[in-house]
C-alpha atoms as a PDB file:
ATOM      1  CA  MET A   1      59.032 -55.960  80.873  1.00  0.00           C
ATOM      2  CA  LEU A   2      60.360 -54.802  77.560  1.00  0.00           C
ATOM      3  CA  GLU A   3      63.663 -56.513  78.265  1.00  0.00           C
ATOM      4  CA  LYS A   4      61.916 -59.942  77.865  1.00  0.00           C
ATOM      5  CA  PHE A   5      61.253 -59.161  74.222  1.00  0.00           C
ATOM      6  CA  ASN A   6      64.977 -58.605  73.487  1.00  0.00           C
ATOM      7  CA  VAL A   7      64.118 -55.283  71.445  1.00  0.00           C
ATOM      8  CA  ILE A   8      67.181 -53.904  69.817  1.00  0.00           C
ATOM      9  CA  GLN A   9      67.701 -50.267  68.483  1.00  0.00           C
ATOM     10  CA  PRO A  10      69.844 -50.457  65.285  1.00  0.00           C
ATOM     11  CA  ARG A  11      71.438 -47.384  63.907  1.00  0.00           C
ATOM     12  CA  GLU A  12      70.804 -46.366  60.359  1.00  0.00           C
ATOM     13  CA  ILE A  13      73.810 -45.850  58.374  1.00  0.00           C
ATOM     14  CA  SER A  14      74.829 -44.460  54.918  1.00  0.00           C
ATOM     15  CA  LEU A  15      76.337 -47.015  52.570  1.00  0.00           C
ATOM     16  CA  LYS A  16      77.722 -44.181  50.401  1.00  0.00           C
ATOM     17  CA  ASP A  17      79.591 -42.718  53.234  1.00  0.00           C
ATOM     18  CA  HIS A  18      80.676 -46.152  54.830  1.00  0.00           C
ATOM     19  CA  PRO A  19      84.510 -46.809  54.697  1.00  0.00           C
ATOM     20  CA  GLU A  20      84.010 -50.601  53.971  1.00  0.00           C
ATOM     21  CA  LEU A  21      80.360 -51.227  52.825  1.00  0.00           C
ATOM     22  CA  ASN A  22      80.124 -50.365  49.148  1.00  0.00           C
ATOM     23  CA  GLU A  23      78.172 -50.922  46.032  1.00  0.00           C
ATOM     24  CA  ALA A  24      79.940 -54.232  45.327  1.00  0.00           C
ATOM     25  CA  TRP A  25      79.030 -55.401  48.907  1.00  0.00           C
ATOM     26  CA  LEU A  26      75.378 -54.569  48.388  1.00  0.00           C
ATOM     27  CA  GLN A  27      75.440 -56.336  45.032  1.00  0.00           C
ATOM     28  CA  GLU A  28      76.799 -59.455  46.776  1.00  0.00           C
ATOM     29  CA  VAL A  29      74.168 -59.289  49.430  1.00  0.00           C
ATOM     30  CA  ILE A  30      71.341 -59.184  46.819  1.00  0.00           C
ATOM     31  CA  ALA A  31      72.964 -61.879  44.737  1.00  0.00           C
ATOM     32  CA  ASN A  32      73.304 -64.247  47.662  1.00  0.00           C
ATOM     33  CA  ARG A  33      69.741 -63.678  48.920  1.00  0.00           C
ATOM     34  CA  PRO A  34      67.575 -62.052  46.118  1.00  0.00           C
ATOM     35  CA  GLU A  35      64.375 -62.865  48.053  1.00  0.00           C
ATOM     36  CA  ILE A  36      65.180 -59.847  50.365  1.00  0.00           C
ATOM     37  CA  LEU A  37      64.099 -57.692  47.515  1.00  0.00           C
ATOM     38  CA  GLY A  38      60.480 -58.696  47.907  1.00  0.00           C
ATOM     39  CA  LEU A  39      59.997 -59.276  44.172  1.00  0.00           C
ATOM     40  CA  GLY A  40      59.261 -62.959  44.393  1.00  0.00           C
ATOM     41  CA  ASP A  41      61.376 -66.185  44.011  1.00  0.00           C
ATOM     42  CA  LEU A  42      64.318 -64.826  42.080  1.00  0.00           C
ATOM     43  CA  ILE A  43      67.560 -66.479  40.865  1.00  0.00           C
ATOM     44  CA  VAL A  44      70.653 -64.650  39.616  1.00  0.00           C
ATOM     45  CA  LYS A  45      71.273 -65.121  35.967  1.00  0.00           C
ATOM     46  CA  ASP A  46      74.320 -62.758  35.754  1.00  0.00           C
ATOM     47  CA  LYS A  47      76.370 -60.122  37.536  1.00  0.00           C
ATOM     48  CA  GLU A  48      78.251 -57.275  35.916  1.00  0.00           C
ATOM     49  CA  ARG A  49      76.771 -58.252  32.568  1.00  0.00           C
ATOM     50  CA  ILE A  50      78.658 -56.632  29.744  1.00  0.00           C
ATOM     51  CA  GLN A  51      76.568 -54.378  27.456  1.00  0.00           C
ATOM     52  CA  PRO A  52      77.237 -53.420  23.784  1.00  0.00           C
ATOM     53  CA  SER A  53      77.482 -49.838  24.841  1.00  0.00           C
ATOM     54  CA  GLY A  54      80.458 -50.648  26.978  1.00  0.00           C
ATOM     55  CA  GLY A  55      78.737 -50.488  30.401  1.00  0.00           C
ATOM     56  CA  ARG A  56      77.958 -53.399  32.818  1.00  0.00           C
ATOM     57  CA  LEU A  57      74.471 -54.297  34.181  1.00  0.00           C
ATOM     58  CA  ASP A  58      74.813 -54.769  37.958  1.00  0.00           C
ATOM     59  CA  LEU A  59      72.348 -57.697  38.235  1.00  0.00           C
ATOM     60  CA  LEU A  60      70.164 -59.760  35.891  1.00  0.00           C
ATOM     61  CA  LEU A  61      67.653 -61.676  37.867  1.00  0.00           C
ATOM     62  CA  GLN A  62      64.896 -64.036  36.761  1.00  0.00           C
ATOM     63  CA  ASP A  63      61.722 -65.288  38.316  1.00  0.00           C
ATOM     64  CA  VAL A  64      61.848 -69.056  39.040  1.00  0.00           C
ATOM     65  CA  ASP A  65      58.311 -69.806  37.914  1.00  0.00           C
ATOM     66  CA  SER A  66      58.000 -67.442  34.862  1.00  0.00           C
ATOM     67  CA  LEU A  67      59.789 -65.932  31.986  1.00  0.00           C
ATOM     68  CA  LYS A  68      60.278 -62.670  33.589  1.00  0.00           C
ATOM     69  CA  ARG A  69      63.641 -61.023  34.002  1.00  0.00           C
ATOM     70  CA  TYR A  70      64.735 -57.983  36.035  1.00  0.00           C
ATOM     71  CA  GLU A  71      67.401 -55.635  34.852  1.00  0.00           C
ATOM     72  CA  MET A  72      68.758 -54.081  38.103  1.00  0.00           C
ATOM     73  CA  GLU A  73      71.046 -51.160  38.612  1.00  0.00           C
ATOM     74  CA  ILE A  74      72.315 -50.215  42.084  1.00  0.00           C
ATOM     75  CA  GLN A  75      73.378 -46.726  43.192  1.00  0.00           C
ATOM     76  CA  LEU A  76      74.417 -45.742  46.707  1.00  0.00           C
ATOM     77  CA  GLY A  77      73.297 -42.324  48.001  1.00  0.00           C
ATOM     78  CA  LYS A  78      70.968 -40.274  45.952  1.00  0.00           C
ATOM     79  CA  THR A  79      69.565 -41.437  42.512  1.00  0.00           C
ATOM     80  CA  ASP A  80      70.218 -39.097  39.573  1.00  0.00           C
ATOM     81  CA  GLU A  81      69.524 -38.759  35.830  1.00  0.00           C
ATOM     82  CA  SER A  82      72.399 -40.807  34.700  1.00  0.00           C
ATOM     83  CA  HIS A  83      71.109 -43.712  36.905  1.00  0.00           C
ATOM     84  CA  ILE A  84      67.741 -43.533  35.440  1.00  0.00           C
ATOM     85  CA  ILE A  85      69.067 -43.369  31.851  1.00  0.00           C
ATOM     86  CA  ARG A  86      71.585 -46.239  32.422  1.00  0.00           C
ATOM     87  CA  THR A  87      68.771 -48.501  33.980  1.00  0.00           C
ATOM     88  CA  ILE A  88      66.313 -47.779  31.094  1.00  0.00           C
ATOM     89  CA  GLU A  89      69.149 -48.324  28.495  1.00  0.00           C
ATOM     90  CA  TYR A  90      70.165 -51.793  29.853  1.00  0.00           C
ATOM     91  CA  TRP A  91      66.537 -52.715  30.138  1.00  0.00           C
ATOM     92  CA  ASP A  92      65.986 -51.883  26.425  1.00  0.00           C
ATOM     93  CA  ILE A  93      69.116 -53.772  25.357  1.00  0.00           C
ATOM     94  CA  GLU A  94      68.150 -56.842  27.127  1.00  0.00           C
ATOM     95  CA  ARG A  95      64.487 -56.901  26.118  1.00  0.00           C
ATOM     96  CA  LYS A  96      65.537 -56.555  22.471  1.00  0.00           C
ATOM     97  CA  ARG A  97      68.234 -59.244  22.719  1.00  0.00           C
ATOM     98  CA  TYR A  98      65.901 -61.718  24.480  1.00  0.00           C
ATOM     99  CA  PRO A  99      62.319 -60.936  23.476  1.00  0.00           C
ATOM    100  CA  GLN A 100      60.921 -64.341  24.537  1.00  0.00           C
ATOM    101  CA  TYR A 101      61.153 -63.132  28.199  1.00  0.00           C
ATOM    102  CA  GLU A 102      59.159 -60.352  29.932  1.00  0.00           C
ATOM    103  CA  HIS A 103      61.534 -57.658  31.231  1.00  0.00           C
ATOM    104  CA  CYS A 104      61.320 -55.175  34.027  1.00  0.00           C
ATOM    105  CA  ALA A 105      63.912 -52.337  34.964  1.00  0.00           C
ATOM    106  CA  VAL A 106      64.793 -52.097  38.626  1.00  0.00           C
ATOM    107  CA  ILE A 107      66.422 -49.054  40.209  1.00  0.00           C
ATOM    108  CA  VAL A 108      67.907 -49.442  43.628  1.00  0.00           C
ATOM    109  CA  ALA A 109      69.137 -46.354  45.733  1.00  0.00           C
ATOM    110  CA  GLU A 110      69.456 -45.185  49.164  1.00  0.00           C
ATOM    111  CA  ASP A 111      67.655 -41.848  48.536  1.00  0.00           C
ATOM    112  CA  ILE A 112      64.837 -41.665  45.855  1.00  0.00           C
ATOM    113  CA  THR A 113      63.745 -38.091  45.648  1.00  0.00           C
ATOM    114  CA  SER A 114      60.469 -36.683  44.701  1.00  0.00           C
ATOM    115  CA  ARG A 115      62.063 -35.118  41.590  1.00  0.00           C
ATOM    116  CA  PHE A 116      63.203 -38.584  40.548  1.00  0.00           C
ATOM    117  CA  LEU A 117      59.690 -39.834  41.115  1.00  0.00           C
ATOM    118  CA  ASN A 118      58.223 -37.090  39.054  1.00  0.00           C
ATOM    119  CA  VAL A 119      60.511 -37.800  36.146  1.00  0.00           C
ATOM    120  CA  ILE A 120      59.921 -41.561  35.887  1.00  0.00           C
ATOM    121  CA  SER A 121      56.276 -41.140  36.520  1.00  0.00           C
ATOM    122  CA  LEU A 122      56.028 -39.551  33.015  1.00  0.00           C
ATOM    123  CA  PHE A 123      57.013 -42.764  31.310  1.00  0.00           C
ATOM    124  CA  ASN A 124      56.028 -45.332  33.909  1.00  0.00           C
ATOM    125  CA  GLY A 125      53.274 -47.381  32.152  1.00  0.00           C
ATOM    126  CA  SER A 126      55.228 -47.554  28.892  1.00  0.00           C
ATOM    127  CA  ILE A 127      58.454 -48.806  30.533  1.00  0.00           C
ATOM    128  CA  PRO A 128      57.968 -51.312  33.301  1.00  0.00           C
ATOM    129  CA  LEU A 129      59.932 -49.871  36.166  1.00  0.00           C
ATOM    130  CA  ILE A 130      60.328 -50.678  39.806  1.00  0.00           C
ATOM    131  CA  ALA A 131      62.162 -48.254  42.249  1.00  0.00           C
ATOM    132  CA  LEU A 132      63.505 -49.842  45.521  1.00  0.00           C
ATOM    133  CA  LYS A 133      64.724 -47.617  48.421  1.00  0.00           C
ATOM    134  CA  VAL A 134      67.570 -49.432  50.230  1.00  0.00           C
ATOM    135  CA  THR A 135      68.161 -48.651  53.902  1.00  0.00           C
ATOM    136  CA  ALA A 136      71.117 -50.077  55.929  1.00  0.00           C
ATOM    137  CA  TYR A 137      71.501 -50.627  59.689  1.00  0.00           C
ATOM    138  CA  GLU A 138      74.189 -51.491  62.001  1.00  0.00           C
ATOM    139  CA  TYR A 139      73.956 -53.111  65.499  1.00  0.00           C
ATOM    140  CA  GLU A 140      76.918 -54.194  67.482  1.00  0.00           C
ATOM    141  CA  GLY A 141      79.046 -54.652  64.400  1.00  0.00           C
ATOM    142  CA  LYS A 142      76.403 -56.577  62.316  1.00  0.00           C
ATOM    143  CA  TYR A 143      74.581 -55.114  59.409  1.00  0.00           C
ATOM    144  CA  PHE A 144      71.297 -55.633  57.769  1.00  0.00           C
ATOM    145  CA  VAL A 145      69.417 -53.958  54.892  1.00  0.00           C
ATOM    146  CA  THR A 146      65.723 -53.425  53.944  1.00  0.00           C
ATOM    147  CA  PHE A 147      64.203 -52.661  50.675  1.00  0.00           C
ATOM    148  CA  ASN A 148      61.110 -50.494  50.349  1.00  0.00           C
ATOM    149  CA  LYS A 149      59.327 -50.455  46.986  1.00  0.00           C
ATOM    150  CA  ILE A 150      58.765 -46.740  46.214  1.00  0.00           C
ATOM    151  CA  LEU A 151      57.514 -47.189  42.676  1.00  0.00           C
ATOM    152  CA  ASP A 152      55.903 -50.294  41.311  1.00  0.00           C
ATOM    153  CA  GLU A 153      55.342 -51.245  37.693  1.00  0.00           C
ATOM    154  CA  VAL A 154      52.018 -50.478  36.181  1.00  0.00           C
ATOM    155  CA  GLN A 155      50.035 -53.712  35.913  1.00  0.00           C
ATOM    156  CA  PHE A 156      47.753 -53.514  32.837  1.00  0.00           C
ATOM    157  CA  GLY A 157      44.491 -55.335  32.992  1.00  0.00           C
ATOM    158  CA  LEU A 158      43.872 -58.134  30.584  1.00  0.00           C
ATOM    159  CA  VAL A 159      41.819 -57.203  27.665  1.00  0.00           C
ATOM    160  CA  GLU A 160      38.861 -59.659  28.379  1.00  0.00           C
ATOM    161  CA  GLU A 161      38.705 -58.415  32.080  1.00  0.00           C
ATOM    162  CA  ASP A 162      37.513 -54.989  30.866  1.00  0.00           C
ATOM    163  CA  GLU A 163      35.325 -56.420  28.075  1.00  0.00           C
ATOM    164  CA  GLU A 164      33.461 -58.780  30.178  1.00  0.00           C
ATOM    165  CA  VAL A 165      32.199 -56.150  32.634  1.00  0.00           C
ATOM    166  CA  LYS A 166      30.626 -54.091  29.775  1.00  0.00           C
ATOM    167  CA  GLU A 167      29.582 -56.349  27.155  1.00  0.00           C
ATOM    168  CA  VAL A 168      27.532 -59.418  28.195  1.00  0.00           C
ATOM    169  CA  THR A 169      25.703 -61.202  25.379  1.00  0.00           C
ATOM    170  CA  ASP A 170      24.181 -64.601  24.946  1.00  0.00           C
ATOM    171  CA  ARG A 171      24.523 -67.838  22.824  1.00  0.00           C
ATOM    172  CA  ASN A 172      22.330 -66.550  19.882  1.00  0.00           C
ATOM    173  CA  TYR A 173      24.763 -63.570  19.463  1.00  0.00           C
ATOM    174  CA  TRP A 174      27.650 -65.978  18.886  1.00  0.00           C
ATOM    175  CA  ILE A 175      25.739 -68.257  16.544  1.00  0.00           C
ATOM    176  CA  GLU A 176      25.083 -65.311  14.369  1.00  0.00           C
ATOM    177  CA  ARG A 177      28.753 -64.297  14.468  1.00  0.00           C
ATOM    178  CA  GLY A 178      29.902 -67.920  13.901  1.00  0.00           C
ATOM    179  CA  THR A 179      27.716 -70.801  13.254  1.00  0.00           C
ATOM    180  CA  ASN A 180      26.062 -73.655  15.210  1.00  0.00           C
ATOM    181  CA  LYS A 181      29.009 -75.832  14.582  1.00  0.00           C
ATOM    182  CA  THR A 182      31.695 -73.440  15.727  1.00  0.00           C
ATOM    183  CA  VAL A 183      29.821 -72.497  18.858  1.00  0.00           C
ATOM    184  CA  SER A 184      29.424 -76.200  19.631  1.00  0.00           C
ATOM    185  CA  ILE A 185      33.276 -76.385  19.781  1.00  0.00           C
ATOM    186  CA  ALA A 186      33.012 -74.170  22.872  1.00  0.00           C
ATOM    187  CA  ASP A 187      30.370 -76.610  24.280  1.00  0.00           C
ATOM    188  CA  GLU A 188      32.672 -79.645  23.706  1.00  0.00           C
ATOM    189  CA  GLY A 189      35.628 -77.749  25.178  1.00  0.00           C
ATOM    190  CA  LEU A 190      33.498 -77.022  28.332  1.00  0.00           C
ATOM    191  CA  LYS A 191      32.700 -80.744  28.694  1.00  0.00           C
ATOM    192  CA  LEU A 192      36.414 -81.567  28.786  1.00  0.00           C
ATOM    193  CA  ILE A 193      36.957 -78.838  31.363  1.00  0.00           C
ATOM    194  CA  GLN A 194      34.118 -80.170  33.478  1.00  0.00           C
ATOM    195  CA  GLU A 195      35.778 -83.521  33.516  1.00  0.00           C
ATOM    196  CA  ILE A 196      38.484 -81.691  35.558  1.00  0.00           C
ATOM    197  CA  ASN A 197      36.148 -79.521  37.478  1.00  0.00           C
ATOM    198  CA  PRO A 198      32.416 -79.750  37.073  1.00  0.00           C
ATOM    199  CA  ASN A 199      31.771 -76.272  38.433  1.00  0.00           C
ATOM    200  CA  TYR A 200      32.706 -74.411  35.249  1.00  0.00           C
ATOM    201  CA  GLU A 201      30.202 -73.032  32.804  1.00  0.00           C
ATOM    202  CA  LEU A 202      30.276 -70.896  29.772  1.00  0.00           C
ATOM    203  CA  LYS A 203      29.911 -67.113  30.063  1.00  0.00           C
ATOM    204  CA  TYR A 204      28.905 -65.232  26.827  1.00  0.00           C
ATOM    205  CA  ASN A 205      30.621 -61.833  26.170  1.00  0.00           C
ATOM    206  CA  LYS A 206      30.746 -59.565  23.258  1.00  0.00           C
ATOM    207  CA  PHE A 207      34.429 -60.423  22.181  1.00  0.00           C
ATOM    208  CA  TYR A 208      34.705 -63.991  23.446  1.00  0.00           C
ATOM    209  CA  ILE A 209      32.975 -66.887  25.160  1.00  0.00           C
ATOM    210  CA  GLY A 210      34.607 -67.145  28.455  1.00  0.00           C
ATOM    211  CA  LEU A 211      34.325 -69.284  31.617  1.00  0.00           C
ATOM    212  CA  ALA A 212      32.799 -68.946  35.081  1.00  0.00           C
ATOM    213  CA  ARG A 213      33.341 -71.042  38.107  1.00  0.00           C
ATOM    214  CA  GLN A 214      30.382 -70.977  40.523  1.00  0.00           C
ATOM    215  CA  GLY A 215      29.315 -67.710  39.049  1.00  0.00           C
ATOM    216  CA  ILE A 216      32.725 -65.995  39.132  1.00  0.00           C
ATOM    217  CA  ALA A 217      34.725 -65.324  35.994  1.00  0.00           C
ATOM    218  CA  ASP A 218      37.725 -67.582  35.589  1.00  0.00           C
ATOM    219  CA  ASN A 219      38.976 -67.146  32.038  1.00  0.00           C
ATOM    220  CA  PHE A 220      41.916 -69.526  31.893  1.00  0.00           C
ATOM    221  CA  VAL A 221      40.467 -70.444  28.560  1.00  0.00           C
ATOM    222  CA  ILE A 222      38.314 -68.425  26.126  1.00  0.00           C
ATOM    223  CA  PHE A 223      36.712 -69.181  22.826  1.00  0.00           C
ATOM    224  CA  ARG A 224      36.101 -67.001  19.861  1.00  0.00           C
ATOM    225  CA  PRO A 225      33.704 -68.854  17.365  1.00  0.00           C
ATOM    226  CA  GLN A 226      34.168 -67.762  13.601  1.00  0.00           C
ATOM    227  CA  LYS A 227      32.424 -69.048  10.527  1.00  0.00           C
ATOM    228  CA  LYS A 228      34.751 -71.958   9.828  1.00  0.00           C
ATOM    229  CA  ILE A 229      36.807 -72.336  13.080  1.00  0.00           C
ATOM    230  CA  THR A 230      36.867 -71.536  16.723  1.00  0.00           C
ATOM    231  CA  ARG A 231      39.901 -69.807  18.059  1.00  0.00           C
ATOM    232  CA  MET A 232      40.732 -71.027  21.668  1.00  0.00           C
ATOM    233  CA  GLU A 233      42.983 -69.108  23.926  1.00  0.00           C
ATOM    234  CA  ILE A 234      44.588 -70.765  26.905  1.00  0.00           C
ATOM    235  CA  ARG A 235      46.439 -69.045  29.572  1.00  0.00           C
ATOM    236  CA  LEU A 236      49.986 -70.622  29.987  1.00  0.00           C
ATOM    237  CA  HIS A 237      53.569 -69.410  30.609  1.00  0.00           C
ATOM    238  CA  LYS A 238      55.458 -69.347  27.300  1.00  0.00           C
ATOM    239  CA  SER A 239      57.522 -72.585  27.140  1.00  0.00           C
ATOM    240  CA  GLN A 240      59.326 -74.369  24.408  1.00  0.00           C
ATOM    241  CA  ASP A 241      58.187 -77.632  26.030  1.00  0.00           C
ATOM    242  CA  ILE A 242      54.553 -76.634  25.768  1.00  0.00           C
ATOM    243  CA  GLU A 243      54.963 -75.525  22.215  1.00  0.00           C
ATOM    244  CA  GLU A 244      56.536 -78.841  21.278  1.00  0.00           C
ATOM    245  CA  PHE A 245      53.742 -80.667  22.993  1.00  0.00           C
ATOM    246  CA  ILE A 246      51.106 -78.681  21.218  1.00  0.00           C
ATOM    247  CA  GLU A 247      52.751 -79.141  17.792  1.00  0.00           C
ATOM    248  CA  SER A 248      53.578 -82.841  18.193  1.00  0.00           C
ATOM    249  CA  SER A 249      49.940 -83.601  19.048  1.00  0.00           C
ATOM    250  CA  GLY A 250      48.934 -82.181  15.763  1.00  0.00           C
ATOM    251  CA  ILE A 251      46.862 -79.267  17.209  1.00  0.00           C
ATOM    252  CA  ASP A 252      46.856 -76.084  14.997  1.00  0.00           C
ATOM    253  CA  LEU A 253      48.927 -73.751  17.090  1.00  0.00           C
ATOM    254  CA  LEU A 254      48.695 -70.150  15.863  1.00  0.00           C
ATOM    255  CA  ASP A 255      50.886 -68.059  18.178  1.00  0.00           C
ATOM    256  CA  TYR A 256      51.701 -66.777  21.630  1.00  0.00           C
ATOM    257  CA  PHE A 257      50.083 -63.488  22.773  1.00  0.00           C
ATOM    258  CA  PRO A 258      52.448 -62.115  25.413  1.00  0.00           C
ATOM    259  CA  ARG A 259      50.039 -59.370  26.812  1.00  0.00           C
ATOM    260  CA  ASN A 260      47.472 -61.870  27.759  1.00  0.00           C
ATOM    261  CA  ARG A 261      49.887 -64.713  28.401  1.00  0.00           C
ATOM    262  CA  THR A 262      47.963 -66.988  26.193  1.00  0.00           C
ATOM    263  CA  TYR A 263      48.534 -69.545  23.469  1.00  0.00           C
ATOM    264  CA  ARG A 264      46.115 -69.172  20.606  1.00  0.00           C
ATOM    265  CA  ILE A 265      44.901 -72.362  18.900  1.00  0.00           C
ATOM    266  CA  ASN A 266      42.520 -72.888  15.827  1.00  0.00           C
ATOM    267  CA  LEU A 267      39.985 -75.628  16.335  1.00  0.00           C
ATOM    268  CA  LYS A 268      37.774 -77.067  13.579  1.00  0.00           C
ATOM    269  CA  PRO A 269      34.552 -79.033  14.220  1.00  0.00           C
ATOM    270  CA  GLY A 270      35.578 -82.555  15.406  1.00  0.00           C
ATOM    271  CA  ASP A 271      38.968 -81.259  16.786  1.00  0.00           C
ATOM    272  CA  ILE A 272      37.989 -81.370  20.495  1.00  0.00           C
ATOM    273  CA  GLU A 273      37.174 -85.154  20.246  1.00  0.00           C
ATOM    274  CA  LYS A 274      40.232 -85.719  18.016  1.00  0.00           C
ATOM    275  CA  TYR A 275      42.593 -84.058  20.388  1.00  0.00           C
ATOM    276  CA  LYS A 276      40.827 -84.869  23.709  1.00  0.00           C
ATOM    277  CA  GLU A 277      43.754 -86.202  25.694  1.00  0.00           C
ATOM    278  CA  PRO A 278      46.288 -83.287  24.764  1.00  0.00           C
ATOM    279  CA  LEU A 279      43.651 -80.669  25.333  1.00  0.00           C
ATOM    280  CA  ILE A 280      42.829 -82.123  28.768  1.00  0.00           C
ATOM    281  CA  THR A 281      46.525 -81.957  29.540  1.00  0.00           C
ATOM    282  CA  LEU A 282      46.696 -78.275  28.531  1.00  0.00           C
ATOM    283  CA  PHE A 283      43.770 -77.515  30.579  1.00  0.00           C
ATOM    284  CA  LYS A 284      45.303 -79.068  33.672  1.00  0.00           C
ATOM    285  CA  LYS A 285      48.626 -77.293  33.029  1.00  0.00           C
ATOM    286  CA  SER A 286      46.747 -73.884  32.821  1.00  0.00           C
ATOM    287  CA  LEU A 287      45.006 -74.793  36.126  1.00  0.00           C
ATOM    288  CA  ASP A 288      48.268 -76.020  37.646  1.00  0.00           C
ATOM    289  CA  ILE A 289      46.950 -79.391  38.265  1.00  0.00           C
ATOM    290  CA  ASP A 290      49.368 -82.387  38.435  1.00  0.00           C
ATOM    291  CA  ASP A 291      48.088 -85.395  36.570  1.00  0.00           C
ATOM    292  CA  GLU A 292      48.622 -87.316  39.821  1.00  0.00           C
ATOM    293  CA  ASP A 293      46.270 -85.061  41.742  1.00  0.00           C
END
């Protein structure tokens, strides 16, 4: 019965000891099909990227839908200290050269030892680092490889996700911190959001006024009323097109906050009505809604 399922038994091989398959071969395999890494929809930005230190970064990959880059170093056989240092060094160089992107170091090796994991666990959290164990197989003269994520980068929770659990307040709290007029800016913003989806409502927390959709927190936009203005933070990927759109509309753009992936905008009383159309456009972009939907 098993023969009907065409089950094969491939033989695991060592790339380090193989007479023909080498690091350049594996690099080319990844470059041709980066999706096999399991890190998302990636494209190759560069191979053998020359570094100021004189070395070469094996692969620079970038996520198609975001501004995230992966600095990848490949080593056949067992990983070692020089591999770790080189990977982190190249990651650090690239993030300093191109701070507009989010960066993550990626180590690929056939053998990732417990000693290696103990070392990198000491700084994982301050350095975004992924370790992938590559395993190669051979069957009837054909080869295939698998990648197993041994160590993933630490994902930090967003600030408001922690705050909202602990610090629930009410509307009067925010009127005292701001004013009736600045809190009303959040009300007016909610009305625009409800034109897109009527299921949203305001949720009052200690550090911001957030949103809930059918009772569940969904803070793609938050408001922070002050005495004269309300600061609105909207979650969007950093983009020159978006920044040019905001600035050309006349909206007071403050800055981009990478950790929360939000643009911070100052709104005065009357600004919601004044900038109604561009604000609706931004809300739709944040919700990934096409204007034709």
